[in-house]
Protein backbone atom coordinates (compact mmCIF):
# COMPACT_ATOMS: atom_id res chain seq x y z
CA MET A 1 57.17 142.72 108.52
CA PRO A 2 59.57 143.90 106.50
CA GLY A 3 62.88 142.20 106.80
CA LEU A 4 61.55 139.46 108.57
CA VAL A 5 63.40 136.45 107.28
CA PRO A 6 62.84 132.22 108.43
CA PRO A 7 65.80 131.53 109.59
CA LYS A 8 67.43 128.64 107.44
CA GLY A 9 70.81 127.15 107.53
CA GLY A 10 73.10 130.25 106.74
CA LEU A 11 71.98 131.54 110.21
CA ALA A 12 75.05 130.98 112.27
CA TYR A 13 76.95 131.95 115.18
CA SER A 14 80.09 129.82 114.65
CA ASP A 15 81.87 128.06 112.06
CA GLU A 16 80.87 124.98 114.39
CA SER A 17 77.15 124.99 113.75
CA VAL A 18 77.08 124.08 110.17
CA GLY A 19 76.25 121.01 109.18
CA ARG A 20 74.74 117.73 111.30
CA LEU A 21 75.60 115.41 113.26
CA PRO A 22 74.51 111.70 111.46
CA THR A 23 71.77 110.21 112.89
CA VAL A 24 72.69 107.03 114.95
CA PHE A 25 71.23 103.91 114.78
CA THR A 26 70.54 101.85 118.41
CA ASN A 27 70.87 98.41 116.23
CA PRO A 28 75.03 98.32 117.01
CA GLY A 29 75.01 96.31 113.61
CA THR A 30 73.45 99.15 111.25
CA PRO A 31 75.78 101.69 109.92
CA SER A 32 74.04 105.08 109.48
CA SER A 33 74.70 107.71 106.51
CA SER A 34 75.55 110.87 107.40
CA LYS A 35 73.77 113.47 105.22
CA SER A 36 75.27 115.82 103.46
CA SER A 37 75.11 120.00 103.58
CA ASN A 38 76.16 122.57 100.62
CA VAL A 39 76.17 125.69 103.28
CA ARG A 40 79.88 126.32 105.01
CA THR A 41 80.72 129.18 106.86
CA VAL A 42 83.71 131.23 106.22
CA ARG A 43 85.12 133.02 109.15
CA LEU A 44 87.03 136.03 108.57
CA ARG A 45 89.12 137.91 111.03
CA LEU A 46 87.92 142.13 111.16
CA LEU A 47 90.76 144.58 111.00
CA PRO A 48 87.96 148.00 111.86
CA SER A 49 90.32 151.19 112.48
CA GLY A 50 89.19 153.22 115.42
CA THR A 51 86.53 155.13 114.10
CA GLN A 52 85.14 151.81 113.08
CA GLU A 53 85.68 149.89 116.12
CA ARG A 54 83.40 152.55 118.30
CA ARG A 55 80.78 152.07 115.70
CA LEU A 56 80.91 148.11 115.58
CA ARG A 57 80.33 148.57 119.49
CA ARG A 58 77.23 150.96 118.98
CA LEU A 59 75.49 148.82 117.05
CA ALA A 60 76.41 145.71 118.77
CA ASP A 61 75.06 147.25 122.17
CA VAL A 62 72.10 148.20 120.42
CA THR A 63 71.55 144.97 118.89
CA ALA A 64 71.89 143.43 122.57
CA ARG A 65 69.62 146.11 123.55
CA LEU A 66 67.14 144.78 121.16
CA TRP A 67 67.36 141.10 121.63
CA ASN A 68 67.44 141.72 125.67
CA GLY A 69 64.14 144.06 125.50
CA LEU A 70 62.30 141.90 123.61
CA ASN A 71 63.21 138.52 124.96
CA TYR A 72 62.30 140.58 128.79
CA ALA A 73 59.15 141.50 127.70
CA ARG A 74 58.23 138.06 125.99
CA LEU A 75 59.57 136.36 129.38
CA MET A 76 57.12 138.44 131.53
CA GLN A 77 54.50 137.18 129.17
CA PHE A 78 55.39 134.06 129.51
CA ARG A 79 55.34 134.06 133.53
CA GLU A 80 51.91 135.73 133.34
CA SER A 81 49.71 133.59 130.88
CA GLY A 82 52.43 131.09 129.42
CA GLU A 83 51.96 132.29 126.38
CA ILE A 84 53.78 135.40 124.11
CA ASP A 85 52.05 138.00 121.76
CA PHE A 86 54.63 137.03 118.92
CA LYS A 87 52.79 139.71 116.60
CA GLY A 88 52.85 142.66 119.15
CA THR A 89 56.16 142.55 120.38
CA GLU A 90 57.85 142.08 116.94
CA HIS A 91 55.50 144.95 115.90
CA GLU A 92 56.55 146.99 118.68
CA PHE A 93 60.15 146.46 119.23
CA TYR A 94 60.92 146.24 115.36
CA HIS A 95 59.37 149.55 114.73
CA ARG A 96 61.41 150.82 117.83
CA TYR A 97 64.86 150.12 116.50
CA ARG A 98 64.65 150.19 112.84
CA ASP A 99 66.07 154.01 112.90
CA ARG A 100 68.95 152.34 114.29
CA LEU A 101 69.56 148.63 113.01
CA GLY A 102 67.55 149.07 109.48
CA VAL A 103 65.69 146.05 108.45
CA ASN A 104 68.51 144.23 110.42
CA ALA A 105 66.04 144.27 113.48
CA GLY A 106 63.90 141.87 111.76
CA GLN A 107 66.99 139.36 111.71
CA VAL A 108 67.34 139.96 115.52
CA ILE A 109 63.84 139.52 116.12
CA ASN A 110 63.13 136.37 113.86
CA LEU A 111 66.18 134.66 115.60
CA ASN A 112 64.50 135.26 118.72
CA ASN A 113 61.27 134.14 117.60
CA TRP A 114 63.07 130.97 116.26
CA MET A 115 64.49 130.31 120.03
CA TRP A 116 61.11 130.75 121.79
CA ASN A 117 59.39 127.95 119.20
CA SER A 118 62.25 126.14 120.22
CA PHE A 119 61.89 126.52 124.05
CA PHE A 120 57.82 125.91 123.03
CA GLU A 121 58.26 122.62 121.37
CA LEU A 122 60.90 121.10 123.96
CA SER A 123 58.64 122.06 126.87
CA ARG A 124 55.65 120.06 124.97
CA LEU A 125 58.03 116.76 124.24
CA TYR A 126 59.36 116.93 127.97
CA LYS A 127 55.50 117.38 129.25
CA GLN A 128 54.73 114.38 127.20
CA GLY A 129 57.96 112.83 128.56
CA LYS A 130 59.55 112.31 124.61
CA LEU A 131 62.54 113.61 125.57
CA PRO A 132 65.96 112.01 126.99
CA LYS A 133 66.08 111.27 130.34
CA PHE A 134 69.53 113.01 130.64
CA MET A 135 68.20 116.27 129.23
CA ASN A 136 66.75 118.27 132.39
CA LYS A 137 63.26 120.69 131.91
CA PRO A 138 63.73 123.16 128.88
CA SER A 139 64.82 126.96 129.57
CA PRO A 140 63.37 130.15 127.74
CA PRO A 141 66.06 131.66 125.80
CA GLY A 142 68.68 133.58 127.77
CA PHE A 143 69.90 137.35 127.94
CA TRP A 144 72.88 138.42 125.87
CA LYS A 145 74.76 139.55 128.74
CA ASP A 146 78.30 138.74 130.71
CA LYS A 147 76.56 137.75 134.03
CA VAL A 148 79.89 138.72 136.30
CA LEU A 149 80.31 142.36 134.81
CA GLY A 150 76.76 143.31 133.97
CA LYS A 151 77.67 144.17 130.11
CA ARG A 152 76.00 143.42 126.95
CA LEU A 153 77.80 140.50 124.81
CA LEU A 154 78.68 141.97 121.52
CA ARG A 155 77.21 141.13 117.86
CA ILE A 156 75.59 142.01 114.93
CA LEU A 157 73.11 140.68 113.13
CA VAL A 158 72.92 141.83 109.45
CA ARG A 159 70.21 140.24 106.54
CA ASN A 160 71.95 138.92 103.38
CA ASP A 161 70.86 141.87 100.90
CA ARG A 162 72.61 144.27 103.30
CA TYR A 163 75.97 143.16 102.92
CA TYR A 164 78.67 142.47 100.35
CA LEU A 165 81.64 141.65 100.20
CA GLU A 166 84.88 142.74 98.07
CA PRO A 167 87.80 140.59 97.76
CA ILE A 168 91.16 142.16 97.15
CA ASN A 169 93.14 138.81 96.86
CA ASN A 170 93.21 135.41 98.47
CA GLY A 171 93.98 136.57 102.00
CA GLU A 172 92.14 140.02 102.58
CA GLY A 173 89.25 142.43 101.52
CA TYR A 174 86.89 144.57 102.50
CA LEU A 175 83.36 143.91 104.28
CA VAL A 176 80.91 146.80 103.22
CA LEU A 177 77.90 147.13 105.58
CA LYS A 178 75.07 149.21 103.08
CA ASP A 179 73.38 150.27 105.77
CA TRP A 180 75.85 151.86 108.47
CA GLY A 181 78.09 152.94 105.24
CA LEU A 182 80.82 150.79 106.92
CA LYS A 183 83.98 149.53 104.39
CA ILE A 184 86.03 147.16 106.92
CA LYS A 185 88.90 145.06 106.14
CA TYR A 186 89.37 141.93 106.75
CA ALA A 187 91.97 138.96 106.82
CA GLY A 188 91.13 135.60 105.59
CA ARG A 189 90.73 133.03 103.20
CA ILE A 190 87.37 132.56 101.27
CA LYS A 191 87.24 128.93 100.06
CA TRP A 192 83.71 128.74 98.63
CA SER A 193 81.63 130.78 96.44
CA GLY A 194 78.18 130.87 96.50
CA LYS A 195 74.75 132.56 97.87
CA GLN A 196 75.48 134.41 101.05
CA GLY A 197 73.00 133.89 103.94
CA THR A 198 72.90 136.02 107.23
CA LEU A 199 76.13 137.93 108.28
CA VAL A 200 76.98 137.29 111.96
CA ILE A 201 80.02 140.01 113.58
CA LYS A 202 80.86 138.97 117.11
CA LEU A 203 83.37 140.16 119.77
CA GLU A 204 85.34 137.75 120.64
CA GLY A 205 88.72 137.65 122.81
CA ASN A 206 88.43 141.52 122.16
CA ARG A 207 88.87 140.51 118.75
CA TRP A 208 85.99 141.12 115.67
CA PHE A 209 85.13 138.11 113.65
CA ALA A 210 82.74 138.12 110.80
CA TYR A 211 80.78 134.53 110.09
CA VAL A 212 79.74 134.29 106.46
CA PRO A 213 77.30 131.48 105.73
CA ILE A 214 77.68 130.27 101.88
CA THR A 215 75.41 128.26 100.18
CA VAL A 216 78.09 126.58 98.03
CA GLY A 217 77.17 126.89 94.44
CA GLU A 218 73.91 128.45 94.66
CA LYS A 219 73.25 131.74 92.68
CA PRO A 220 71.51 135.25 94.91
CA ALA A 221 68.30 136.01 93.70
CA LYS A 222 68.32 138.43 90.95
CA SER A 223 67.48 141.56 93.42
CA ASN A 224 71.14 140.72 95.23
CA PRO A 225 73.15 140.47 92.17
CA ARG A 226 76.09 141.46 94.91
CA GLY A 227 74.77 138.33 97.60
CA TYR A 228 77.37 136.25 95.69
CA VAL A 229 80.70 135.33 97.62
CA ARG A 230 83.40 134.88 94.90
CA GLY A 231 86.15 132.20 96.73
CA ILE A 232 88.00 129.15 95.01
CA HIS A 233 85.93 126.61 94.66
CA GLU A 234 81.89 126.68 93.40
CA LYS A 235 81.12 123.42 94.76
CA ILE A 236 81.79 121.05 97.76
CA GLN A 237 83.57 118.15 96.36
CA ILE A 238 86.66 119.17 94.57
CA GLU A 239 88.60 115.72 94.26
CA ASN A 240 87.08 112.54 93.40
CA PRO A 241 88.15 109.33 95.12
CA ARG A 242 91.13 107.76 93.75
CA GLY A 243 89.94 103.96 94.54
CA SER A 244 86.78 101.80 96.23
CA ASN A 245 88.98 101.15 99.37
CA LYS A 246 86.79 100.98 102.78
CA ALA A 247 88.70 102.69 106.48
CA PHE A 248 87.24 101.69 109.92
CA ILE A 249 88.25 104.69 112.39
CA ASP A 250 87.93 104.34 116.43
CA ILE A 251 88.04 108.07 117.74
CA GLY A 252 89.36 108.62 121.26
CA LEU A 253 91.18 110.89 123.14
CA ASN A 254 95.01 109.43 123.83
CA ASN A 255 94.91 108.11 120.21
CA LEU A 256 92.49 110.81 118.48
CA PHE A 257 91.90 108.47 115.50
CA ALA A 258 93.13 104.87 114.38
CA VAL A 259 92.17 103.73 111.70
CA VAL A 260 92.21 100.12 110.17
CA PHE A 261 91.41 98.91 106.10
CA ASN A 262 89.93 96.51 104.37
CA HIS A 263 92.75 96.25 101.85
CA SER A 264 96.07 96.92 103.80
CA ASP A 265 98.04 95.13 106.60
CA THR A 266 98.80 98.93 107.55
CA ALA A 267 97.05 101.06 110.42
CA ILE A 268 96.82 104.50 111.27
CA LEU A 269 97.67 106.31 114.81
CA ILE A 270 96.91 110.16 115.33
CA LYS A 271 97.93 110.55 119.00
CA GLY A 272 95.64 113.36 121.05
CA SER A 273 97.92 113.68 123.76
CA THR A 274 99.12 117.00 122.86
CA ILE A 275 95.59 117.88 122.93
CA LYS A 276 95.27 117.07 126.62
CA ALA A 277 98.50 118.94 127.51
CA GLU A 278 96.70 122.01 125.62
CA TYR A 279 93.53 121.67 127.37
CA TYR A 280 95.30 120.97 131.21
CA TYR A 281 97.37 124.21 130.43
CA TRP A 282 94.27 126.40 129.87
CA LYS A 283 92.54 124.84 132.64
CA ARG A 284 95.26 125.92 135.12
CA GLU A 285 95.03 129.52 133.40
CA ILE A 286 91.38 129.55 133.86
CA GLY A 287 91.85 128.42 137.25
CA THR A 288 94.02 130.89 138.33
CA TYR A 289 92.85 133.80 137.10
CA GLN A 290 89.14 132.50 138.13
CA ALA A 291 90.88 132.55 141.64
CA ILE A 292 92.21 135.98 141.89
CA ARG A 293 89.52 137.46 140.19
CA ASP A 294 87.14 136.09 142.59
CA TRP A 295 89.35 137.21 145.92
CA LEU A 296 89.83 140.44 144.67
CA ARG A 297 85.71 140.74 143.93
CA ASN A 298 85.20 139.52 147.34
CA HIS A 299 87.78 141.79 149.15
CA GLY A 300 86.28 144.90 147.75
CA PHE A 301 89.20 145.67 144.65
CA GLU A 302 88.17 147.26 141.69
CA SER A 303 91.03 145.26 139.83
CA TRP A 304 88.73 141.99 139.76
CA ARG A 305 87.39 143.19 136.40
CA LYS A 306 91.22 143.18 135.08
CA TYR A 307 91.66 139.51 135.75
CA HIS A 308 87.85 138.61 134.35
CA THR A 309 89.43 139.80 131.35
CA TYR A 310 91.82 137.87 131.58
CA TYR A 311 89.66 134.82 132.72
CA LEU A 312 87.52 135.11 129.80
CA HIS A 313 90.79 135.61 127.23
CA ALA A 314 91.75 132.23 128.76
CA ILE A 315 88.79 130.69 127.74
CA TYR A 316 88.46 131.71 124.40
CA LYS A 317 92.13 130.86 123.68
CA ARG A 318 91.81 127.32 124.77
CA ARG A 319 88.94 126.99 122.50
CA GLU A 320 91.07 128.33 119.75
CA ARG A 321 93.77 126.21 120.32
CA LEU A 322 91.84 122.98 120.65
CA ARG A 323 90.00 123.81 117.63
CA HIS A 324 92.92 124.50 115.63
CA TYR A 325 94.71 120.72 116.60
CA TYR A 326 91.08 119.21 115.77
CA ARG A 327 90.91 120.75 112.64
CA THR A 328 94.92 120.18 111.66
CA ALA A 329 94.17 116.59 112.40
CA ILE A 330 90.92 116.25 110.51
CA ARG A 331 92.55 117.65 107.54
CA PHE A 332 95.84 115.61 107.63
CA LEU A 333 93.54 112.27 107.85
CA ALA A 334 91.32 113.37 105.23
CA LYS A 335 93.85 113.72 103.02
CA THR A 336 95.46 110.80 103.88
CA LEU A 337 92.84 108.87 103.25
CA TRP A 338 92.14 110.10 99.83
CA GLN A 339 95.50 109.13 99.25
CA MET A 340 95.41 105.66 99.72
CA GLY A 341 92.69 105.41 97.67
CA ILE A 342 89.59 105.17 100.32
CA ASP A 343 86.26 106.14 99.08
CA GLU A 344 84.05 105.26 102.07
CA VAL A 345 84.67 105.52 105.76
CA PHE A 346 82.95 104.05 109.28
CA ILE A 347 83.40 105.58 112.31
CA GLY A 348 82.26 104.04 115.41
CA TYR A 349 79.59 106.45 117.74
CA PRO A 350 80.14 106.28 121.16
CA TYR A 351 76.12 105.88 121.82
CA MET A 352 75.34 107.93 125.26
CA VAL A 353 78.78 107.68 126.60
CA SER A 354 78.77 111.62 128.21
CA GLN A 355 75.09 110.64 129.49
CA ASP A 356 75.89 107.41 131.10
CA ASN A 357 79.44 107.47 132.01
CA GLY A 358 80.34 111.21 131.65
CA ASN A 359 83.86 112.90 132.67
CA GLU A 360 86.16 115.33 131.97
CA PHE A 361 87.62 113.71 129.26
CA ASN A 362 84.47 112.66 127.29
CA THR A 363 82.85 115.83 128.13
CA ASN A 364 85.15 119.19 128.06
CA ILE A 365 88.49 117.81 126.10
CA TRP A 366 86.86 115.14 123.54
CA TRP A 367 84.77 117.25 121.20
CA PHE A 368 83.27 113.67 119.34
CA ASN A 369 79.98 115.71 117.49
CA LYS A 370 82.30 118.59 116.42
CA ILE A 371 84.93 116.14 115.48
CA THR A 372 82.64 113.73 113.14
CA ARG A 373 80.76 116.76 111.82
CA TRP A 374 84.65 118.90 110.71
CA LEU A 375 85.49 115.23 109.47
CA GLY A 376 82.61 114.77 107.40
CA GLU A 377 82.73 117.76 105.88
CA VAL A 378 86.33 117.85 105.15
CA LEU A 379 85.75 114.13 103.26
CA GLN A 380 82.77 115.38 101.45
CA GLU A 381 85.73 117.68 99.73
CA TYR A 382 87.42 114.46 98.66
CA GLY A 383 83.95 112.52 97.47
CA ILE A 384 84.61 110.27 100.20
CA LYS A 385 81.24 109.03 101.95
CA ILE A 386 81.00 108.72 105.73
CA ASN A 387 78.86 106.39 107.94
CA VAL A 388 78.50 105.84 111.22
CA VAL A 389 78.37 102.76 113.55
CA ASN A 390 77.15 102.19 117.31
CA GLU A 391 80.52 101.35 118.86
CA TYR A 392 78.81 99.87 121.93
CA GLY A 393 80.83 97.15 122.99
CA THR A 394 83.92 97.50 120.33
CA SER A 395 86.35 97.90 123.04
CA LYS A 396 85.76 94.54 125.05
CA GLN A 397 85.16 92.24 121.91
CA CYS A 398 88.83 90.81 120.55
CA SER A 399 89.27 91.25 116.99
CA ILE A 400 91.33 88.24 117.07
CA CYS A 401 89.43 85.49 118.39
CA ASN A 402 85.92 87.68 118.19
CA MET A 403 85.26 87.02 121.99
CA GLU A 404 84.77 89.57 124.57
CA HIS A 405 87.57 89.49 127.44
CA GLU A 406 86.54 91.21 130.24
CA ASN A 407 90.20 91.79 131.56
CA GLY A 408 91.52 91.78 127.95
CA ARG A 409 92.26 95.70 128.26
CA VAL A 410 95.34 95.45 130.42
CA LYS A 411 96.57 98.56 130.22
CA ARG A 412 95.05 101.97 128.76
CA GLY A 413 96.65 101.24 125.09
CA LEU A 414 97.37 97.59 125.26
CA TYR A 415 94.72 94.30 124.71
CA ILE A 416 95.85 90.93 125.06
CA CYS A 417 93.44 88.44 123.73
CA GLU A 418 93.14 85.55 126.91
CA LEU A 419 92.71 83.22 124.15
CA THR A 420 95.66 83.49 121.83
CA GLY A 421 97.78 85.46 124.23
CA ILE A 422 98.45 88.18 120.89
CA LYS A 423 98.67 91.51 121.78
CA ILE A 424 97.58 94.40 120.05
CA ASN A 425 96.92 98.21 120.10
CA ALA A 426 93.15 98.59 121.69
CA ASP A 427 91.83 101.40 119.97
CA ILE A 428 93.28 99.44 116.90
CA ASN A 429 91.31 96.44 117.91
CA ALA A 430 88.13 98.48 118.28
CA ALA A 431 88.79 99.76 115.10
CA ARG A 432 88.80 96.24 113.49
CA ASN A 433 85.19 95.44 115.66
CA ILE A 434 83.82 98.29 113.90
CA ALA A 435 84.53 97.24 110.45
CA LYS A 436 82.91 93.75 111.51
CA LYS A 437 79.66 95.72 112.45
CA ALA A 438 80.11 97.00 109.34
CA GLY A 439 80.34 93.89 107.49
CA TYR A 440 83.63 94.02 107.00
CA LYS A 441 87.27 91.87 107.20
CA THR A 442 90.37 93.53 107.95
CA PRO A 443 93.39 91.95 108.31
CA THR A 444 95.84 91.83 111.28
CA PRO A 445 97.99 95.11 110.91
CA LYS A 446 101.66 94.41 110.66
CA LYS A 447 102.49 98.29 110.55
CA ILE A 448 101.51 101.56 112.42
CA LEU A 449 102.18 104.69 110.98
CA SER A 450 102.19 107.07 114.18
CA TYR A 451 101.87 110.62 114.27
CA ILE A 452 101.23 113.34 116.74
CA VAL A 453 99.39 116.43 116.63
CA THR A 454 101.39 119.82 116.44
CA THR A 455 100.77 123.60 116.28
CA ASN A 456 102.71 123.47 113.24
CA GLY A 457 101.03 120.29 111.31
CA VAL A 458 100.73 116.69 112.02
CA LYS A 459 104.38 115.43 112.65
CA PRO A 460 105.44 111.54 112.13
CA ILE A 461 106.42 109.86 115.55
CA THR A 462 108.62 107.20 114.21
CA PRO A 463 110.68 108.83 111.27
CA LYS A 464 109.95 107.33 107.22
CA GLU A 465 112.92 105.11 106.24
CA GLY A 466 115.59 106.91 104.43
CA VAL A 467 114.71 110.22 106.03
CA THR A 468 116.82 111.94 108.28
CA VAL A 469 115.35 114.04 111.13
CA GLU A 470 116.41 117.65 111.21
CA THR A 471 116.02 119.47 114.70
CA SER A 472 115.20 123.11 114.26
CA THR A 473 117.64 125.20 115.68
CA VAL A 474 116.56 128.06 118.68
CA GLU A 475 119.12 131.00 118.11
CA THR A 476 120.08 132.69 121.58
CA PRO A 477 118.96 135.99 122.00
CA PRO A 478 122.09 138.78 122.72
């Protein structure tokens, strides 16, 4: 069918979906190397005019109607016979919506095909008992719908040859949608150059965003010469490593990153206390709006819809704020490692931690998979290789005497060797044990550089020698 292109790495719903988590070996002593990807997704803020805003909403509503109608028809077929007529439903819904969405209707249908095929594959593995025990029985694809308001979720899929970008400068330009004659202004820096993939436009927090997947360095097809996004860099690796040193990282929550090195007695701690504070602030806000919304709704007040909007916006803000903190810390760490001459990094992976010992911290606040993926992508820019090591037992084992002390971790951040009495930061102790599992020795840290993540970058907790910390002044309003 025209317009139906199999989903590839370029089809993404957010900038967080690009890349993959490195394979983790169950053998605690065996590190695994991550597989790098040359696909990156650029997130652009769209600034439509009033007329463009209304057209985008209509197009997104039609797209959601296509998805929901197609998904419902297939769900009914599945419940009746356990099978789906893919070709019949494709033909019916593609031609029903082609006059309004053009060939872009095929992208929506194609995504639905992929999700249903994934559901059938997972169901087959579930029946054979090959899925992990913590995974529940697979469910069919869901609908693009807000279950509380009953309204459709607004998003648009555009085929890679049905749009192009017109950059004005490094921070703004225009997104041109060919099929609908729209030229929408955008704000955002395009870092990468390469072949563009399927565009996804989403309404998030009452703001429009465009997600443009880019296969970095790859040229577009001759039939689509404008399908090439021009950014700052045409290849992912921007810098070369300055040395051949190794770094070993324990990722946590109180200490987001604890880093030790094979060539230096200096260690790095990047605190995560601000991330926890941010999470709990928005958790309180979300809970407050949810409680007011439910009370108003249960007592028949129509104003509950307003508080549901506040509730959704608070969820959006929490995700965006945490994402900002994590990505700020990752960018700082990657640049610091590059400056220190690191060419290879080993990260401890807490295998099955959220399944075997799940709680609010390691499930909601601690985005380990995303952190690892993001860090791997940024390190790739500096030519630094990333490896994953199963960190099982690294918190109990003593990096001083190599014995396991059940009561060695006396406090949240302190580990005491019961044999020698030497005290060491608990996360740095775990990082040194990760190095041992990877086959390296690290000197006992004598100097710890501590940092904290803020909204305005990563700041040192203790000032460097010879540097006077200036206290910012806030003017009192008249």
